[in-house]
Amino acid sequence: MAWPLTGAGAQAVATMEQATLDAGGTVLRYGQLYGEGTFHPVAPDGPAVSVQTAAARTAGLLSAGSGIVTITD
């Protein structure tokens, strides 16, 4: 997620992200999705990304090297 988490979920996400990086993978952190077919028809406050932008940027990262990428508008 493209925003800081708190509570028990924060440690779970950190553990999964580190395991992904340790395996040589790429962590994708998305803003809140918005657009057709989502809970938010327009961009909500805070980090957000349209469904179309998220799909296009994700496709372009399929062969990316290990690291962390934040996907927002």
N, C-alpha and C. Protein backbone atom coordinates (compact mmCIF):
# COMPACT_ATOMS: atom_id res chain seq x y z
N MET A 1 0.83 -1.17 0.00
CA MET A 1 0.00 0.00 0.00
C MET A 1 0.88 1.24 0.00
N ALA A 2 0.39 2.28 -0.62
CA ALA A 2 1.17 3.50 -0.77
C ALA A 2 1.00 4.45 0.41
N TRP A 3 0.45 3.97 1.50
CA TRP A 3 0.31 4.79 2.69
C TRP A 3 0.72 3.94 3.88
N PRO A 4 1.19 4.59 4.95
CA PRO A 4 1.66 3.83 6.12
C PRO A 4 0.51 3.11 6.82
N LEU A 5 0.76 1.88 7.21
CA LEU A 5 -0.21 1.10 7.97
C LEU A 5 0.14 1.17 9.45
N THR A 6 -0.84 0.87 10.27
CA THR A 6 -0.62 0.79 11.71
C THR A 6 -1.19 -0.54 12.20
N GLY A 7 -0.85 -0.89 13.40
CA GLY A 7 -1.40 -2.09 14.00
C GLY A 7 -0.77 -3.37 13.47
N ALA A 8 -1.47 -4.48 13.71
CA ALA A 8 -0.96 -5.81 13.35
C ALA A 8 -0.75 -5.94 11.85
N GLY A 9 -1.56 -5.31 11.05
CA GLY A 9 -1.43 -5.39 9.60
C GLY A 9 -0.11 -4.83 9.10
N ALA A 10 0.42 -3.84 9.78
CA ALA A 10 1.67 -3.22 9.35
C ALA A 10 2.82 -4.23 9.37
N GLN A 11 2.91 -5.01 10.43
CA GLN A 11 3.99 -6.00 10.53
C GLN A 11 3.82 -7.10 9.50
N ALA A 12 2.58 -7.51 9.25
CA ALA A 12 2.33 -8.55 8.25
C ALA A 12 2.76 -8.09 6.86
N VAL A 13 2.42 -6.86 6.50
CA VAL A 13 2.80 -6.33 5.19
C VAL A 13 4.31 -6.20 5.10
N ALA A 14 4.95 -5.70 6.16
CA ALA A 14 6.41 -5.56 6.15
C ALA A 14 7.10 -6.91 5.98
N THR A 15 6.57 -7.94 6.62
CA THR A 15 7.14 -9.28 6.51
C THR A 15 7.00 -9.82 5.09
N MET A 16 5.84 -9.64 4.49
CA MET A 16 5.62 -10.12 3.11
C MET A 16 6.49 -9.35 2.12
N GLU A 17 6.59 -8.03 2.30
CA GLU A 17 7.43 -7.25 1.41
C GLU A 17 8.90 -7.68 1.51
N GLN A 18 9.38 -7.89 2.71
CA GLN A 18 10.78 -8.30 2.88
C GLN A 18 11.02 -9.68 2.28
N ALA A 19 10.07 -10.59 2.43
CA ALA A 19 10.22 -11.92 1.83
C ALA A 19 10.27 -11.82 0.31
N THR A 20 9.48 -10.93 -0.26
CA THR A 20 9.49 -10.72 -1.71
C THR A 20 10.84 -10.18 -2.17
N LEU A 21 11.36 -9.20 -1.45
CA LEU A 21 12.66 -8.62 -1.80
C LEU A 21 13.78 -9.64 -1.62
N ASP A 22 13.72 -10.43 -0.55
CA ASP A 22 14.74 -11.46 -0.30
C ASP A 22 14.77 -12.50 -1.41
N ALA A 23 13.61 -12.73 -2.04
CA ALA A 23 13.53 -13.70 -3.14
C ALA A 23 13.87 -13.06 -4.49
N GLY A 24 14.25 -11.78 -4.48
CA GLY A 24 14.60 -11.10 -5.72
C GLY A 24 13.42 -10.52 -6.47
N GLY A 25 12.29 -10.41 -5.80
CA GLY A 25 11.08 -9.91 -6.44
C GLY A 25 10.92 -8.40 -6.33
N THR A 26 9.84 -7.93 -6.91
CA THR A 26 9.50 -6.51 -6.89
C THR A 26 8.24 -6.30 -6.08
N VAL A 27 8.29 -5.38 -5.14
CA VAL A 27 7.13 -5.02 -4.33
C VAL A 27 6.43 -3.86 -5.01
N LEU A 28 5.15 -4.02 -5.28
CA LEU A 28 4.35 -2.94 -5.87
C LEU A 28 3.42 -2.39 -4.79
N ARG A 29 3.53 -1.12 -4.53
CA ARG A 29 2.68 -0.45 -3.55
C ARG A 29 1.71 0.45 -4.30
N TYR A 30 0.43 0.12 -4.22
CA TYR A 30 -0.60 0.87 -4.94
C TYR A 30 -1.30 1.88 -4.05
N GLY A 31 -1.64 3.03 -4.64
CA GLY A 31 -2.55 3.94 -3.98
C GLY A 31 -3.94 3.32 -4.01
N GLN A 32 -4.90 3.99 -3.42
CA GLN A 32 -6.27 3.48 -3.45
C GLN A 32 -6.76 3.49 -4.90
N LEU A 33 -7.27 2.35 -5.33
CA LEU A 33 -7.79 2.26 -6.69
C LEU A 33 -9.10 3.04 -6.82
N TYR A 34 -9.26 3.70 -7.96
CA TYR A 34 -10.53 4.37 -8.24
C TYR A 34 -10.85 4.23 -9.72
N GLY A 35 -12.11 4.45 -10.03
CA GLY A 35 -12.58 4.35 -11.41
C GLY A 35 -13.68 3.32 -11.52
N GLU A 36 -14.08 3.06 -12.75
CA GLU A 36 -15.17 2.12 -13.00
C GLU A 36 -14.89 0.75 -12.39
N GLY A 37 -15.89 0.23 -11.68
CA GLY A 37 -15.77 -1.09 -11.07
C GLY A 37 -15.10 -1.10 -9.71
N THR A 38 -14.80 0.09 -9.16
CA THR A 38 -14.18 0.16 -7.84
C THR A 38 -15.13 0.85 -6.87
N PHE A 39 -14.77 0.86 -5.60
CA PHE A 39 -15.57 1.54 -4.58
C PHE A 39 -15.59 3.05 -4.80
N HIS A 40 -14.49 3.59 -5.33
CA HIS A 40 -14.36 5.04 -5.54
C HIS A 40 -14.51 5.37 -7.02
N PRO A 41 -15.61 6.01 -7.43
CA PRO A 41 -15.75 6.39 -8.84
C PRO A 41 -14.79 7.51 -9.25
N VAL A 42 -14.37 8.34 -8.29
CA VAL A 42 -13.39 9.40 -8.54
C VAL A 42 -12.28 9.26 -7.51
N ALA A 43 -11.16 9.93 -7.76
CA ALA A 43 -10.00 9.80 -6.88
C ALA A 43 -10.35 10.21 -5.44
N PRO A 44 -10.08 9.34 -4.48
CA PRO A 44 -10.29 9.69 -3.07
C PRO A 44 -9.13 10.54 -2.56
N ASP A 45 -9.28 11.10 -1.38
CA ASP A 45 -8.18 11.83 -0.75
C ASP A 45 -7.05 10.86 -0.45
N GLY A 46 -5.84 11.37 -0.47
CA GLY A 46 -4.69 10.54 -0.17
C GLY A 46 -4.13 9.89 -1.42
N PRO A 47 -3.15 9.02 -1.25
CA PRO A 47 -2.55 8.37 -2.42
C PRO A 47 -3.60 7.56 -3.17
N ALA A 48 -3.72 7.79 -4.46
CA ALA A 48 -4.71 7.10 -5.28
C ALA A 48 -4.14 6.82 -6.66
N VAL A 49 -4.74 5.86 -7.33
CA VAL A 49 -4.34 5.54 -8.70
C VAL A 49 -5.55 5.00 -9.45
N SER A 50 -5.75 5.48 -10.67
CA SER A 50 -6.87 4.98 -11.46
C SER A 50 -6.58 3.54 -11.88
N VAL A 51 -7.63 2.78 -12.09
CA VAL A 51 -7.49 1.39 -12.49
C VAL A 51 -6.68 1.29 -13.78
N GLN A 52 -6.93 2.18 -14.73
CA GLN A 52 -6.21 2.15 -16.00
C GLN A 52 -4.72 2.40 -15.81
N THR A 53 -4.38 3.39 -14.99
CA THR A 53 -2.97 3.69 -14.73
C THR A 53 -2.30 2.54 -14.01
N ALA A 54 -2.97 1.97 -13.02
CA ALA A 54 -2.41 0.84 -12.27
C ALA A 54 -2.12 -0.33 -13.21
N ALA A 55 -3.05 -0.63 -14.10
CA ALA A 55 -2.85 -1.75 -15.03
C ALA A 55 -1.68 -1.50 -15.97
N ALA A 56 -1.61 -0.31 -16.52
CA ALA A 56 -0.55 0.01 -17.47
C ALA A 56 0.82 -0.01 -16.80
N ARG A 57 0.93 0.58 -15.61
CA ARG A 57 2.22 0.61 -14.91
C ARG A 57 2.63 -0.77 -14.44
N THR A 58 1.65 -1.59 -14.02
CA THR A 58 1.96 -2.95 -13.58
C THR A 58 2.50 -3.77 -14.74
N ALA A 59 1.85 -3.68 -15.89
CA ALA A 59 2.31 -4.43 -17.07
C ALA A 59 3.74 -4.05 -17.42
N GLY A 60 4.07 -2.79 -17.29
CA GLY A 60 5.41 -2.33 -17.61
C GLY A 60 6.47 -2.78 -16.61
N LEU A 61 6.04 -3.26 -15.45
CA LEU A 61 6.97 -3.68 -14.40
C LEU A 61 7.13 -5.19 -14.31
N LEU A 62 6.51 -5.93 -15.21
CA LEU A 62 6.56 -7.39 -15.12
C LEU A 62 7.97 -7.95 -15.16
N SER A 63 8.88 -7.25 -15.79
CA SER A 63 10.26 -7.74 -15.86
C SER A 63 11.22 -6.82 -15.08
N ALA A 64 10.68 -6.06 -14.14
CA ALA A 64 11.51 -5.14 -13.36
C ALA A 64 12.43 -5.91 -12.42
N GLY A 65 13.52 -5.29 -12.08
CA GLY A 65 14.43 -5.87 -11.11
C GLY A 65 13.86 -5.76 -9.70
N SER A 66 14.57 -6.34 -8.76
CA SER A 66 14.14 -6.32 -7.38
C SER A 66 14.12 -4.89 -6.84
N GLY A 67 13.11 -4.58 -6.07
CA GLY A 67 12.98 -3.26 -5.47
C GLY A 67 11.56 -2.98 -5.09
N ILE A 68 11.32 -1.74 -4.68
CA ILE A 68 9.98 -1.30 -4.28
C ILE A 68 9.54 -0.20 -5.23
N VAL A 69 8.34 -0.33 -5.77
CA VAL A 69 7.77 0.67 -6.67
C VAL A 69 6.42 1.11 -6.13
N THR A 70 6.21 2.40 -5.99
CA THR A 70 4.93 2.95 -5.56
C THR A 70 4.18 3.43 -6.78
N ILE A 71 2.95 2.96 -6.94
CA ILE A 71 2.14 3.30 -8.11
C ILE A 71 0.98 4.18 -7.68
N THR A 72 1.07 5.47 -8.01
CA THR A 72 0.01 6.44 -7.75
C THR A 72 -0.09 7.36 -8.96
N ASP A 73 -1.18 8.11 -9.00
CA ASP A 73 -1.34 9.09 -10.08
C ASP A 73 -0.37 10.23 -9.88
